[in-house]
Amino acid sequence: MSDRSTFTALVEVQLRPGIADPQGATIERALPALGVRSVRGLHAGKAFRFEVEADDHAGAVAEAELVADRLLANPVLEEWTVTVTGPVSEEHALAAGAAGGTD
């Protein structure tokens, strides 16, 4: 039996400041057609959620940061943030799987 725990990682990737964001600009320009006129500075990005098995929280963060830096983000154009929660209890993981979510 392993002493490792399961953690949930969320990696959010966004364009670096100064890089053009045509997707965000297009969404922002479309908002008035929906009656939304109060939103400014909208930026598009990507979010990745996955589980990490690690000995502790620090190990899970290190693993998620490695994945973010080497695979999920283009370091020339994008920056990323990592949020790690957990460990996830076995009962919670089973319930989330049965419900079709990872909440």
Protein backbone atom coordinates (compact mmCIF):
# COMPACT_ATOMS: atom_id res chain seq x y z
CA MET A 1 0.00 0.00 0.00
CA SER A 2 1.34 3.43 -0.97
CA ASP A 3 1.49 6.48 1.28
CA ARG A 4 1.04 8.76 -1.72
CA SER A 5 -2.04 10.96 -1.88
CA THR A 6 -4.09 12.27 -4.79
CA PHE A 7 -4.21 16.04 -5.28
CA THR A 8 -6.18 18.11 -7.79
CA ALA A 9 -4.18 20.54 -9.92
CA LEU A 10 -5.54 23.46 -11.91
CA VAL A 11 -3.22 25.08 -14.45
CA GLU A 12 -4.42 28.37 -15.94
CA VAL A 13 -2.56 29.55 -19.04
CA GLN A 14 -2.84 33.07 -20.42
CA LEU A 15 -0.99 35.21 -22.92
CA ARG A 16 1.89 37.27 -21.58
CA PRO A 17 1.28 41.02 -21.22
CA GLY A 18 1.85 42.78 -24.53
CA ILE A 19 0.93 39.76 -26.67
CA ALA A 20 -2.11 40.39 -28.89
CA ASP A 21 -5.22 38.51 -27.78
CA PRO A 22 -7.56 38.42 -30.80
CA GLN A 23 -9.88 35.86 -29.20
CA GLY A 24 -10.36 37.99 -26.08
CA ALA A 25 -10.87 41.12 -28.20
CA THR A 26 -13.49 39.37 -30.35
CA ILE A 27 -15.42 38.19 -27.29
CA GLU A 28 -15.27 41.66 -25.74
CA ARG A 29 -16.57 43.28 -28.95
CA ALA A 30 -19.49 40.79 -29.03
CA LEU A 31 -20.67 41.56 -25.49
CA PRO A 32 -22.72 44.69 -26.31
CA ALA A 33 -24.88 42.58 -28.64
CA LEU A 34 -25.83 40.59 -25.53
CA GLY A 35 -26.61 43.75 -23.62
CA VAL A 36 -23.38 43.62 -21.61
CA ARG A 37 -21.62 46.97 -21.67
CA SER A 38 -19.71 46.94 -18.39
CA VAL A 39 -16.96 44.40 -19.22
CA ARG A 40 -13.50 45.69 -20.15
CA GLY A 41 -10.10 44.08 -20.56
CA LEU A 42 -11.35 40.57 -21.31
CA HIS A 43 -8.56 38.05 -21.94
CA ALA A 44 -8.94 34.51 -23.23
CA GLY A 45 -6.93 31.64 -21.81
CA LYS A 46 -6.91 27.92 -21.20
CA ALA A 47 -7.51 25.89 -18.07
CA PHE A 48 -6.33 22.33 -17.41
CA ARG A 49 -7.49 20.28 -14.42
CA PHE A 50 -5.89 16.95 -13.54
CA GLU A 51 -5.03 14.71 -10.62
CA VAL A 52 -1.49 14.28 -9.30
CA GLU A 53 -0.28 11.50 -7.04
CA ALA A 54 2.42 12.77 -4.69
CA ASP A 55 3.87 12.25 -1.23
CA ASP A 56 2.76 15.72 -0.10
CA HIS A 57 1.32 19.07 -1.26
CA ALA A 58 4.75 20.47 -2.20
CA GLY A 59 5.46 17.45 -4.38
CA ALA A 60 2.12 17.81 -6.14
CA VAL A 61 2.80 21.51 -6.81
CA ALA A 62 6.26 20.72 -8.20
CA GLU A 63 4.84 18.05 -10.51
CA ALA A 64 2.02 20.31 -11.76
CA GLU A 65 4.48 23.16 -12.36
CA LEU A 66 6.70 20.83 -14.39
CA VAL A 67 3.73 19.82 -16.57
CA ALA A 68 2.66 23.46 -16.99
CA ASP A 69 6.13 24.71 -17.88
CA ARG A 70 7.17 21.91 -20.22
CA LEU A 71 3.93 20.94 -21.92
CA LEU A 72 0.85 23.09 -21.34
CA ALA A 73 2.22 26.59 -21.97
CA ASN A 74 4.42 28.13 -24.65
CA PRO A 75 6.94 30.05 -22.50
CA VAL A 76 7.59 32.58 -25.28
CA LEU A 77 3.95 33.68 -25.54
CA GLU A 78 2.21 32.46 -22.41
CA GLU A 79 2.44 32.48 -18.64
CA TRP A 80 0.76 30.11 -16.23
CA THR A 81 -0.44 29.75 -12.67
CA VAL A 82 -0.87 26.52 -10.73
CA THR A 83 -3.34 25.87 -7.94
CA VAL A 84 -3.17 22.54 -6.12
CA THR A 85 -5.81 21.37 -3.67
CA GLY A 86 -6.09 18.23 -1.66
CA PRO A 87 -5.34 15.61 -0.90
CA VAL A 88 -8.59 14.30 -2.31
CA SER A 89 -10.23 11.67 -0.13
CA GLU A 90 -10.93 8.33 -1.77
CA GLU A 91 -14.63 8.68 -1.04
CA HIS A 92 -14.73 12.15 -2.67
CA ALA A 93 -12.87 10.88 -5.75
CA LEU A 94 -15.26 7.93 -6.12
CA ALA A 95 -18.33 10.17 -5.70
CA ALA A 96 -17.00 12.69 -8.23
CA GLY A 97 -16.30 9.92 -10.72
CA ALA A 98 -19.79 8.47 -10.30
CA ALA A 99 -21.33 11.92 -10.78
CA GLY A 100 -19.24 12.57 -13.88
CA GLY A 101 -17.30 15.47 -12.34
CA THR A 102 -14.09 16.24 -10.52
CA ASP A 103 -15.44 18.82 -8.10
